[in-house]
Amino acid sequence: MFEWLSDNETLAWWMLFFSIIFFILSLVMVPVILVCLPEDYFLLPIRHRKPWPKLHPSLRIPLLLVKNLLGVVFILTGILMLALPGQGILTIIIGLVLIDFPGKYHVERWIIARPSVLRAINWIRAKAGKPALLVPLN
């Protein structure tokens, strides 16, 4: 390991730099996203919305590609952070929230329904003066 670090010192410094940047971004963005969610966001059995429906397809499609690419970058960076300094798991979760995949809404609802997760999210929302998230009882 030390040999690899000495051989790739510049790369290691860049990885550390981006690890710190993503750590700071995750500390800022996660509470902002949680506070902006409507309280009934997870009550619908399926999500019926199209992303950015009022935008012209020539603008909406590139934006979706950029959002998904950013999500992949967060996931890959989070995987690196599992070995480097930073919030690896939190960064992976942010990446998963950004990308679109079949069954994503179901996975989000399952995670949110965990009592410890819901308690932590509602604590953040209460600090911001927002009502608690409502989740289905199943």
Protein backbone atom coordinates (compact mmCIF):
# COMPACT_ATOMS: atom_id res chain seq x y z
CA MET A 1 0.00 0.00 0.00
CA PHE A 2 2.76 2.46 0.95
CA GLU A 3 4.64 1.55 -2.21
CA TRP A 4 1.56 2.33 -4.32
CA LEU A 5 1.14 5.67 -2.52
CA SER A 6 4.75 6.65 -3.13
CA ASP A 7 4.49 5.61 -6.81
CA ASN A 8 1.19 7.49 -7.29
CA GLU A 9 1.58 10.44 -4.94
CA THR A 10 -0.12 12.95 -7.26
CA LEU A 11 -3.09 10.66 -7.82
CA ALA A 12 -3.39 10.04 -4.07
CA TRP A 13 -3.43 13.79 -3.37
CA TRP A 14 -6.13 14.33 -6.00
CA MET A 15 -8.18 11.49 -4.54
CA LEU A 16 -7.84 13.03 -1.08
CA PHE A 17 -8.84 16.45 -2.44
CA PHE A 18 -11.98 15.10 -4.13
CA SER A 19 -12.79 13.00 -1.08
CA ILE A 20 -12.79 16.14 1.06
CA ILE A 21 -14.86 18.07 -1.51
CA PHE A 22 -17.49 15.31 -1.72
CA PHE A 23 -17.56 15.03 2.06
CA ILE A 24 -18.32 18.74 2.39
CA LEU A 25 -20.88 18.59 -0.43
CA SER A 26 -22.64 15.65 1.21
CA LEU A 27 -22.79 17.46 4.55
CA VAL A 28 -24.46 20.43 2.85
CA MET A 29 -26.65 18.74 0.22
CA VAL A 30 -28.24 15.92 2.20
CA PRO A 31 -30.02 18.19 4.71
CA VAL A 32 -31.06 20.58 1.91
CA ILE A 33 -32.60 17.74 -0.11
CA LEU A 34 -34.35 16.27 2.95
CA VAL A 35 -35.83 19.63 3.94
CA CYS A 36 -37.06 20.35 0.40
CA LEU A 37 -39.04 17.10 0.10
CA PRO A 38 -42.81 17.51 0.51
CA GLU A 39 -44.09 15.70 3.60
CA ASP A 40 -46.25 13.31 1.53
CA TYR A 41 -43.48 12.48 -0.99
CA PHE A 42 -43.41 8.76 -0.08
CA LEU A 43 -47.16 8.15 0.29
CA LEU A 44 -47.96 7.41 -3.36
CA PRO A 45 -47.61 3.70 -4.20
CA ILE A 46 -45.84 4.60 -7.48
CA ARG A 47 -44.24 7.79 -8.71
CA HIS A 48 -46.34 9.38 -11.46
CA ARG A 49 -44.15 12.27 -12.47
CA LYS A 50 -41.88 12.86 -15.37
CA PRO A 51 -38.67 14.71 -14.58
CA TRP A 52 -38.88 18.33 -15.70
CA PRO A 53 -42.09 17.82 -17.74
CA LYS A 54 -42.33 21.42 -18.96
CA LEU A 55 -38.89 21.41 -20.56
CA HIS A 56 -38.50 20.73 -24.26
CA PRO A 57 -37.08 17.23 -24.92
CA SER A 58 -33.96 18.73 -26.49
CA LEU A 59 -33.18 20.28 -23.11
CA ARG A 60 -34.71 17.64 -20.80
CA ILE A 61 -32.77 14.68 -22.23
CA PRO A 62 -29.30 16.25 -21.83
CA LEU A 63 -30.23 17.34 -18.30
CA LEU A 64 -31.28 13.79 -17.44
CA LEU A 65 -28.01 12.46 -18.87
CA VAL A 66 -25.98 14.95 -16.82
CA LYS A 67 -27.97 14.11 -13.65
CA ASN A 68 -27.42 10.37 -14.15
CA LEU A 69 -23.74 10.87 -14.98
CA LEU A 70 -23.33 12.95 -11.81
CA GLY A 71 -25.01 10.15 -9.86
CA VAL A 72 -22.56 7.60 -11.28
CA VAL A 73 -19.64 9.89 -10.34
CA PHE A 74 -20.99 10.13 -6.78
CA ILE A 75 -21.35 6.34 -6.56
CA LEU A 76 -17.82 5.71 -7.84
CA THR A 77 -16.40 8.40 -5.56
CA GLY A 78 -18.31 6.90 -2.64
CA ILE A 79 -16.81 3.50 -3.37
CA LEU A 80 -13.36 5.09 -3.31
CA MET A 81 -14.24 6.83 -0.04
CA LEU A 82 -14.85 3.47 1.59
CA ALA A 83 -11.05 3.19 1.64
CA LEU A 84 -10.19 6.92 1.67
CA PRO A 85 -11.24 9.61 4.14
CA GLY A 86 -14.82 10.73 3.63
CA GLN A 87 -18.43 9.64 3.89
CA GLY A 88 -18.41 6.74 1.43
CA ILE A 89 -21.81 5.24 2.16
CA LEU A 90 -23.50 8.65 2.32
CA THR A 91 -21.94 9.62 -1.02
CA ILE A 92 -23.10 6.34 -2.59
CA ILE A 93 -26.64 7.01 -1.35
CA ILE A 94 -26.57 10.51 -2.87
CA GLY A 95 -25.48 8.93 -6.16
CA LEU A 96 -28.31 6.41 -6.01
CA VAL A 97 -30.80 9.22 -5.41
CA LEU A 98 -29.55 11.05 -8.50
CA ILE A 99 -29.61 8.17 -10.98
CA ASP A 100 -32.76 6.71 -12.50
CA PHE A 101 -33.29 2.95 -12.51
CA PRO A 102 -36.34 0.64 -12.46
CA GLY A 103 -37.66 0.13 -8.94
CA LYS A 104 -35.84 3.15 -7.53
CA TYR A 105 -38.95 4.57 -5.83
CA HIS A 106 -39.62 1.23 -4.14
CA VAL A 107 -36.03 1.11 -2.82
CA GLU A 108 -36.30 4.71 -1.55
CA ARG A 109 -39.57 3.91 0.26
CA TRP A 110 -38.03 0.80 1.83
CA ILE A 111 -35.02 2.73 3.13
CA ILE A 112 -37.13 5.62 4.45
CA ALA A 113 -39.45 3.20 6.28
CA ARG A 114 -36.59 2.00 8.53
CA PRO A 115 -37.38 3.55 11.95
CA SER A 116 -33.85 4.79 12.60
CA VAL A 117 -33.59 6.41 9.15
CA LEU A 118 -37.01 8.04 9.44
CA ARG A 119 -36.20 9.31 12.94
CA ALA A 120 -32.94 10.89 11.75
CA ILE A 121 -34.59 12.50 8.71
CA ASN A 122 -37.49 13.86 10.73
CA TRP A 123 -35.03 15.29 13.28
CA ILE A 124 -33.31 17.22 10.46
CA ARG A 125 -36.69 18.39 9.12
CA ALA A 126 -37.82 19.49 12.61
CA LYS A 127 -34.64 21.57 13.01
CA ALA A 128 -35.59 23.34 9.76
CA GLY A 129 -39.18 23.90 10.89
CA LYS A 130 -40.64 21.42 8.38
CA PRO A 131 -43.28 18.77 9.17
CA ALA A 132 -42.22 15.12 9.52
CA LEU A 133 -42.18 12.91 6.44
CA LEU A 134 -45.22 10.68 6.13
CA VAL A 135 -44.55 7.09 5.14
CA PRO A 136 -46.88 4.20 4.29
CA LEU A 137 -47.64 1.80 7.14
CA ASN A 138 -46.86 -1.45 5.23
